[in-house]
Amino acid sequence: MKYFVIGDEDTVLGFGMVGVQGRKAGNPAEAEGAFKSALADSEIGIIIITERVAELIRPFVDQYIFTERFPLIVEIPDREGKVTGKAGIRELVNQAIGIKL
């Protein structure tokens, strides 16, 4: 199983330094193309996407987030930090399992 990252140039470069392939996306067309490309590769099990890029293609991302299908989609903050108003991973886990961690 492989990882794939979609985000700004710094995020893709950083993950690339540890061997994770990815694509830079700065607009909805680039983000959609990168996301669809990652979905088409059956070896990719986890797609890491920055929150800001995920917002550009929210309907596509929401079709896969929290489903039982692969790949697993993980949203992370980019170099500018967390998106205001977006729940963090702790809040999402608390909602999903109904227990505060």
C-alpha atoms as a PDB file:
ATOM      1  CA  MET A   1       0.000   0.000   0.000  1.00  0.00           C
ATOM      2  CA  LYS A   2       1.317   3.419  -0.993  1.00  0.00           C
ATOM      3  CA  TYR A   3       0.721   6.933   0.261  1.00  0.00           C
ATOM      4  CA  PHE A   4      -0.003   9.884  -2.037  1.00  0.00           C
ATOM      5  CA  VAL A   5      -0.035  13.562  -1.072  1.00  0.00           C
ATOM      6  CA  ILE A   6      -1.942  16.428  -2.702  1.00  0.00           C
ATOM      7  CA  GLY A   7      -1.307  19.979  -1.571  1.00  0.00           C
ATOM      8  CA  ASP A   8       0.760  23.106  -1.897  1.00  0.00           C
ATOM      9  CA  GLU A   9       4.340  22.960  -3.173  1.00  0.00           C
ATOM     10  CA  ASP A  10       5.909  22.892   0.306  1.00  0.00           C
ATOM     11  CA  THR A  11       3.727  20.016   1.495  1.00  0.00           C
ATOM     12  CA  VAL A  12       4.387  17.905  -1.596  1.00  0.00           C
ATOM     13  CA  LEU A  13       8.122  18.654  -1.390  1.00  0.00           C
ATOM     14  CA  GLY A  14       8.258  17.798   2.320  1.00  0.00           C
ATOM     15  CA  PHE A  15       6.501  14.474   1.900  1.00  0.00           C
ATOM     16  CA  GLY A  16       8.610  13.774  -1.187  1.00  0.00           C
ATOM     17  CA  MET A  17      11.735  14.022   0.947  1.00  0.00           C
ATOM     18  CA  VAL A  18      10.592  10.942   2.853  1.00  0.00           C
ATOM     19  CA  GLY A  19       9.588   9.037  -0.268  1.00  0.00           C
ATOM     20  CA  VAL A  20       5.887   9.873  -0.585  1.00  0.00           C
ATOM     21  CA  GLN A  21       4.801  10.697  -4.112  1.00  0.00           C
ATOM     22  CA  GLY A  22       2.384  13.517  -4.702  1.00  0.00           C
ATOM     23  CA  ARG A  23       1.117  16.353  -6.843  1.00  0.00           C
ATOM     24  CA  LYS A  24       0.930  20.083  -6.280  1.00  0.00           C
ATOM     25  CA  ALA A  25      -2.533  21.607  -6.643  1.00  0.00           C
ATOM     26  CA  GLY A  26      -3.253  25.319  -6.606  1.00  0.00           C
ATOM     27  CA  ASN A  27      -6.676  25.452  -8.232  1.00  0.00           C
ATOM     28  CA  PRO A  28      -9.763  23.215  -8.500  1.00  0.00           C
ATOM     29  CA  ALA A  29      -8.765  21.711 -11.858  1.00  0.00           C
ATOM     30  CA  GLU A  30      -5.311  20.677 -10.599  1.00  0.00           C
ATOM     31  CA  ALA A  31      -6.778  19.346  -7.352  1.00  0.00           C
ATOM     32  CA  GLU A  32      -9.456  17.332  -9.136  1.00  0.00           C
ATOM     33  CA  GLY A  33      -6.923  15.900 -11.596  1.00  0.00           C
ATOM     34  CA  ALA A  34      -4.538  14.881  -8.820  1.00  0.00           C
ATOM     35  CA  PHE A  35      -7.339  13.366  -6.746  1.00  0.00           C
ATOM     36  CA  LYS A  36      -8.751  11.356  -9.650  1.00  0.00           C
ATOM     37  CA  SER A  37      -5.263  10.205 -10.600  1.00  0.00           C
ATOM     38  CA  ALA A  38      -4.642   8.974  -7.056  1.00  0.00           C
ATOM     39  CA  LEU A  39      -7.984   7.159  -6.997  1.00  0.00           C
ATOM     40  CA  ALA A  40      -7.164   5.406 -10.270  1.00  0.00           C
ATOM     41  CA  ASP A  41      -3.977   3.867  -8.827  1.00  0.00           C
ATOM     42  CA  SER A  42      -5.054   0.701  -7.008  1.00  0.00           C
ATOM     43  CA  GLU A  43      -1.773   0.594  -5.057  1.00  0.00           C
ATOM     44  CA  ILE A  44      -2.551   3.865  -3.245  1.00  0.00           C
ATOM     45  CA  GLY A  45      -4.182   3.126   0.100  1.00  0.00           C
ATOM     46  CA  ILE A  46      -3.909   6.534   1.772  1.00  0.00           C
ATOM     47  CA  ILE A  47      -4.351   9.948   0.192  1.00  0.00           C
ATOM     48  CA  ILE A  48      -3.033  12.821   2.283  1.00  0.00           C
ATOM     49  CA  ILE A  49      -4.574  16.125   1.182  1.00  0.00           C
ATOM     50  CA  THR A  50      -4.201  19.583   2.671  1.00  0.00           C
ATOM     51  CA  GLU A  51      -7.374  21.137   4.078  1.00  0.00           C
ATOM     52  CA  ARG A  52      -7.245  24.104   1.711  1.00  0.00           C
ATOM     53  CA  VAL A  53      -6.883  21.903  -1.373  1.00  0.00           C
ATOM     54  CA  ALA A  54      -9.642  19.601  -0.107  1.00  0.00           C
ATOM     55  CA  GLU A  55     -11.951  22.620   0.127  1.00  0.00           C
ATOM     56  CA  LEU A  56     -11.371  23.274  -3.583  1.00  0.00           C
ATOM     57  CA  ILE A  57     -12.895  19.885  -4.416  1.00  0.00           C
ATOM     58  CA  ARG A  58     -15.052  19.246  -1.349  1.00  0.00           C
ATOM     59  CA  PRO A  59     -17.788  17.215  -3.150  1.00  0.00           C
ATOM     60  CA  PHE A  60     -15.203  14.747  -4.494  1.00  0.00           C
ATOM     61  CA  VAL A  61     -13.421  14.406  -1.157  1.00  0.00           C
ATOM     62  CA  ASP A  62     -16.650  13.929   0.794  1.00  0.00           C
ATOM     63  CA  GLN A  63     -17.566  10.939  -1.372  1.00  0.00           C
ATOM     64  CA  TYR A  64     -14.591   9.055   0.086  1.00  0.00           C
ATOM     65  CA  ILE A  65     -14.056  10.461   3.561  1.00  0.00           C
ATOM     66  CA  PHE A  66     -15.315   8.203   6.359  1.00  0.00           C
ATOM     67  CA  THR A  67     -16.345   5.383   4.060  1.00  0.00           C
ATOM     68  CA  GLU A  68     -15.364   1.763   4.191  1.00  0.00           C
ATOM     69  CA  ARG A  69     -13.802   2.028   0.745  1.00  0.00           C
ATOM     70  CA  PHE A  70     -10.142   2.544   0.039  1.00  0.00           C
ATOM     71  CA  PRO A  71      -8.271   4.755  -0.201  1.00  0.00           C
ATOM     72  CA  LEU A  72      -8.379   6.372   3.192  1.00  0.00           C
ATOM     73  CA  ILE A  73      -8.469  10.183   2.896  1.00  0.00           C
ATOM     74  CA  VAL A  74      -6.579  12.171   5.530  1.00  0.00           C
ATOM     75  CA  GLU A  75      -6.822  15.968   5.609  1.00  0.00           C
ATOM     76  CA  ILE A  76      -3.927  17.869   7.138  1.00  0.00           C
ATOM     77  CA  PRO A  77      -3.171  21.571   7.670  1.00  0.00           C
ATOM     78  CA  ASP A  78      -0.748  23.180   5.233  1.00  0.00           C
ATOM     79  CA  ARG A  79       2.066  25.616   5.992  1.00  0.00           C
ATOM     80  CA  GLU A  80      -0.465  28.356   6.786  1.00  0.00           C
ATOM     81  CA  GLY A  81      -2.009  26.300   9.585  1.00  0.00           C
ATOM     82  CA  LYS A  82      -5.413  24.882  10.339  1.00  0.00           C
ATOM     83  CA  VAL A  83      -8.430  26.180   8.433  1.00  0.00           C
ATOM     84  CA  THR A  84     -10.593  28.301  10.746  1.00  0.00           C
ATOM     85  CA  GLY A  85     -13.796  26.562  11.790  1.00  0.00           C
ATOM     86  CA  LYS A  86     -12.655  23.119  10.638  1.00  0.00           C
ATOM     87  CA  ALA A  87     -12.848  20.392  13.270  1.00  0.00           C
ATOM     88  CA  GLY A  88      -9.522  18.850  14.238  1.00  0.00           C
ATOM     89  CA  ILE A  89      -8.786  15.143  14.230  1.00  0.00           C
ATOM     90  CA  ARG A  90      -9.548  14.835  17.953  1.00  0.00           C
ATOM     91  CA  GLU A  91     -13.027  16.350  17.508  1.00  0.00           C
ATOM     92  CA  LEU A  92     -13.727  14.106  14.504  1.00  0.00           C
ATOM     93  CA  VAL A  93     -12.714  10.972  16.408  1.00  0.00           C
ATOM     94  CA  ASN A  94     -14.844  12.035  19.375  1.00  0.00           C
ATOM     95  CA  GLN A  95     -17.842  12.454  17.068  1.00  0.00           C
ATOM     96  CA  ALA A  96     -17.202   9.167  15.294  1.00  0.00           C
ATOM     97  CA  ILE A  97     -16.893   7.002  18.403  1.00  0.00           C
ATOM     98  CA  GLY A  98     -18.963   9.049  20.822  1.00  0.00           C
ATOM     99  CA  ILE A  99     -16.238   9.105  23.473  1.00  0.00           C
ATOM    100  CA  LYS A 100     -14.058  12.055  24.432  1.00  0.00           C
ATOM    101  CA  LEU A 101     -10.369  11.294  24.217  1.00  0.00           C
END
